[in-house]
Amino acid sequence: MICWLLLCTIEDIPTATSAFASVLVGIIATFGAAAHADPKREVPDYDGRGNQDADAGSWALWIPRIVLSPLYVANEYVLRRPIGAVVRHAERERWADSVVQLFTFGEGGKSLIVPTALYDFGLLPSVGFYYSGDDIVTDGNQLRLHAATWARRGSTRRPPTATRSTRPTGCRSGSNSGGPRTT
């Protein structure tokens, strides 16, 4: 060993020493680890219920899984993933800032106008706008305005209900239907 070190130049000593050390560590790790390996232990049953999947009745769970799998595939690959991709793209491209810039105007973007729409079942739809302005005329003044239209005048009345006839069933037309019959 000393002869070998004397034959090496000064530049070769760190390279040769590190190569020798790495080979020695590799040999020890290979043969030493195999002799002292512990056997693989069983998975502990912490809750005391055993393996639920090993029961004979677990095969029945595959029936609803297979029946409902088209709904899962449609939800996962037709709805969730494409919507997620669009949302990620919108966040990266800052679409929300573009929409805000579309509806704001004035000095410092202190004025905002937004179109509104409302459709309530049983009533007529309503469309309009919402205006918000800060520092109107002087500093600290605010103006909020919401205007909408579409409904016809009187459309908020209750719909007409079916009326029952107050005439008794045995009366002839034109007779006094309000009181008792006299002959």
Protein backbone atom coordinates (compact mmCIF):
# COMPACT_ATOMS: atom_id res chain seq x y z
CA MET A 1 0.00 0.00 0.00
CA ILE A 2 2.79 2.39 0.82
CA CYS A 3 4.55 1.53 -2.45
CA TRP A 4 1.42 2.27 -4.36
CA LEU A 5 1.03 5.65 -2.64
CA LEU A 6 4.68 6.50 -3.38
CA LEU A 7 4.24 5.77 -7.09
CA CYS A 8 1.22 8.11 -7.39
CA THR A 9 1.66 11.78 -8.03
CA ILE A 10 0.26 14.36 -5.68
CA GLU A 11 -2.73 15.07 -7.99
CA ASP A 12 -3.66 11.35 -8.21
CA ILE A 13 -3.77 10.70 -4.46
CA PRO A 14 -7.23 12.24 -3.70
CA THR A 15 -8.79 10.58 -6.77
CA ALA A 16 -7.29 7.17 -6.06
CA THR A 17 -8.10 7.33 -2.36
CA SER A 18 -11.76 8.28 -2.96
CA ALA A 19 -12.14 5.54 -5.59
CA PHE A 20 -10.65 2.94 -3.22
CA ALA A 21 -12.92 4.11 -0.38
CA SER A 22 -16.07 3.99 -2.50
CA VAL A 23 -15.29 0.44 -3.70
CA LEU A 24 -14.64 -0.65 -0.11
CA VAL A 25 -17.94 0.88 1.11
CA GLY A 26 -19.83 -0.79 -1.74
CA ILE A 27 -18.44 -4.23 -0.91
CA ILE A 28 -19.29 -3.87 2.80
CA ALA A 29 -22.80 -2.63 2.03
CA THR A 30 -23.49 -5.46 -0.40
CA PHE A 31 -22.39 -8.37 1.73
CA GLY A 32 -23.10 -6.91 5.16
CA ALA A 33 -26.70 -5.86 4.52
CA ALA A 34 -27.80 -9.24 3.17
CA ALA A 35 -26.59 -11.06 6.27
CA HIS A 36 -28.41 -8.75 8.70
CA ALA A 37 -31.73 -8.17 6.85
CA ASP A 38 -34.84 -8.44 9.00
CA PRO A 39 -37.74 -10.53 7.72
CA LYS A 40 -40.73 -8.53 6.47
CA ARG A 41 -43.38 -8.25 9.16
CA GLU A 42 -47.13 -8.53 8.71
CA VAL A 43 -49.27 -5.41 8.45
CA PRO A 44 -50.68 -4.78 11.94
CA ASP A 45 -54.47 -4.80 12.43
CA TYR A 46 -54.83 -1.58 14.42
CA ASP A 47 -58.61 -1.39 14.59
CA GLY A 48 -59.29 -5.11 15.11
CA ARG A 49 -61.70 -5.41 12.17
CA GLY A 50 -59.45 -7.45 9.89
CA ASN A 51 -59.11 -7.00 6.15
CA GLN A 52 -62.49 -5.87 4.82
CA ASP A 53 -61.50 -6.58 1.21
CA ALA A 54 -60.83 -10.23 1.99
CA ASP A 55 -64.45 -10.88 3.04
CA ALA A 56 -66.65 -12.94 0.74
CA GLY A 57 -69.26 -10.14 0.45
CA SER A 58 -66.86 -7.52 -0.91
CA TRP A 59 -67.43 -8.70 -4.51
CA ALA A 60 -70.92 -7.21 -4.34
CA LEU A 61 -69.43 -3.73 -4.08
CA TRP A 62 -68.12 -4.04 -7.63
CA ILE A 63 -71.64 -4.13 -9.07
CA PRO A 64 -72.50 -0.49 -8.21
CA ARG A 65 -68.95 0.55 -9.06
CA ILE A 66 -69.30 -0.84 -12.57
CA VAL A 67 -72.85 0.47 -13.00
CA LEU A 68 -71.90 3.97 -11.85
CA SER A 69 -68.55 4.11 -13.64
CA PRO A 70 -69.97 5.93 -16.74
CA LEU A 71 -71.19 8.72 -14.44
CA TYR A 72 -67.76 8.92 -12.83
CA VAL A 73 -66.01 9.02 -16.21
CA ALA A 74 -68.39 11.72 -17.48
CA ASN A 75 -67.93 13.80 -14.33
CA GLU A 76 -64.15 13.37 -14.23
CA TYR A 77 -63.19 13.69 -17.89
CA VAL A 78 -66.05 15.72 -19.40
CA LEU A 79 -66.66 18.21 -16.58
CA ARG A 80 -64.04 18.41 -13.84
CA ARG A 81 -60.77 18.20 -15.76
CA PRO A 82 -61.74 20.55 -18.63
CA ILE A 83 -63.20 23.09 -16.20
CA GLY A 84 -60.06 22.81 -14.07
CA ALA A 85 -57.88 23.39 -17.14
CA VAL A 86 -59.88 26.49 -18.11
CA VAL A 87 -59.70 27.87 -14.54
CA ARG A 88 -55.92 27.30 -14.37
CA HIS A 89 -55.47 29.00 -17.75
CA ALA A 90 -57.69 31.91 -16.69
CA GLU A 91 -55.69 32.40 -13.50
CA ARG A 92 -52.36 32.32 -15.34
CA GLU A 93 -53.55 34.77 -17.99
CA ARG A 94 -55.29 37.00 -15.40
CA TRP A 95 -58.68 37.02 -17.11
CA ALA A 96 -60.30 38.51 -13.99
CA ASP A 97 -58.13 41.62 -14.28
CA SER A 98 -59.14 41.97 -17.93
CA VAL A 99 -62.83 41.81 -17.03
CA VAL A 100 -62.38 44.40 -14.26
CA GLN A 101 -60.60 46.72 -16.69
CA LEU A 102 -63.47 46.29 -19.15
CA PHE A 103 -66.07 47.61 -16.69
CA THR A 104 -64.03 50.27 -14.82
CA PHE A 105 -63.30 53.72 -16.12
CA GLY A 106 -62.46 57.22 -14.96
CA GLU A 107 -59.47 58.49 -12.96
CA GLY A 108 -57.85 55.63 -11.08
CA GLY A 109 -60.66 53.24 -12.03
CA LYS A 110 -63.01 54.72 -9.42
CA SER A 111 -66.12 54.28 -11.55
CA LEU A 112 -67.68 50.92 -12.31
CA ILE A 113 -70.65 49.97 -14.48
CA VAL A 114 -71.80 46.34 -14.69
CA PRO A 115 -74.73 44.85 -16.60
CA THR A 116 -77.19 42.85 -14.48
CA ALA A 117 -79.73 40.18 -15.31
CA LEU A 118 -82.26 38.36 -13.14
CA TYR A 119 -84.67 35.59 -14.00
CA ASP A 120 -86.98 34.37 -11.28
CA PHE A 121 -89.32 31.49 -12.02
CA GLY A 122 -92.91 32.66 -12.17
CA LEU A 123 -92.01 36.30 -12.81
CA LEU A 124 -90.69 38.15 -15.81
CA PRO A 125 -86.94 38.56 -16.31
CA SER A 126 -85.23 41.80 -15.42
CA VAL A 127 -82.14 43.36 -17.03
CA GLY A 128 -80.33 46.53 -16.15
CA PHE A 129 -77.08 47.93 -14.84
CA TYR A 130 -75.25 48.69 -11.61
CA TYR A 131 -73.14 51.84 -11.31
CA SER A 132 -70.65 52.50 -8.54
CA GLY A 133 -68.66 55.71 -8.33
CA ASP A 134 -66.17 56.85 -5.68
CA ASP A 135 -65.08 60.46 -5.06
CA ILE A 136 -67.99 61.91 -7.06
CA VAL A 137 -67.78 65.76 -7.22
CA THR A 138 -65.60 65.85 -4.05
CA ASP A 139 -63.40 63.42 -2.17
CA GLY A 140 -65.23 60.90 -0.01
CA ASN A 141 -68.55 61.05 -1.89
CA GLN A 142 -69.92 57.77 -3.20
CA LEU A 143 -72.75 57.00 -5.57
CA ARG A 144 -74.35 53.59 -5.97
CA LEU A 145 -77.12 53.13 -8.53
CA HIS A 146 -78.99 50.06 -9.71
CA ALA A 147 -81.57 50.34 -12.46
CA ALA A 148 -83.41 47.48 -14.13
CA THR A 149 -86.46 46.98 -16.31
CA TRP A 150 -88.34 44.49 -18.46
CA ALA A 151 -91.48 43.73 -16.53
CA ARG A 152 -94.73 45.19 -17.82
CA ARG A 153 -96.67 47.54 -15.60
CA GLY A 154 -98.83 45.61 -13.17
CA SER A 155 -97.02 42.35 -13.69
CA THR A 156 -96.56 41.91 -9.97
CA ARG A 157 -100.30 41.28 -9.48
CA ARG A 158 -101.39 37.83 -8.49
CA PRO A 159 -102.61 35.74 -11.38
CA PRO A 160 -106.40 35.44 -11.64
CA THR A 161 -107.84 32.53 -9.74
CA ALA A 162 -110.68 30.32 -10.87
CA THR A 163 -114.03 31.69 -9.69
CA ARG A 164 -116.88 29.51 -8.56
CA SER A 165 -120.43 30.22 -9.54
CA THR A 166 -122.61 31.43 -6.67
CA ARG A 167 -125.82 30.38 -8.41
CA PRO A 168 -127.46 27.27 -6.99
CA THR A 169 -127.46 24.33 -9.35
CA GLY A 170 -131.23 23.99 -9.66
CA CYS A 171 -132.02 27.60 -10.69
CA ARG A 172 -133.00 28.78 -14.08
CA SER A 173 -131.26 31.66 -15.67
CA GLY A 174 -132.81 35.02 -14.80
CA SER A 175 -134.42 33.90 -11.56
CA ASN A 176 -133.61 35.32 -8.18
CA SER A 177 -130.65 33.21 -7.18
CA GLY A 178 -129.86 35.10 -4.01
CA GLY A 179 -132.77 34.14 -1.77
CA PRO A 180 -135.27 31.36 -1.12
CA ARG A 181 -137.73 30.48 -3.88
CA THR A 182 -141.29 31.47 -3.47
CA THR A 183 -144.05 30.12 -5.67
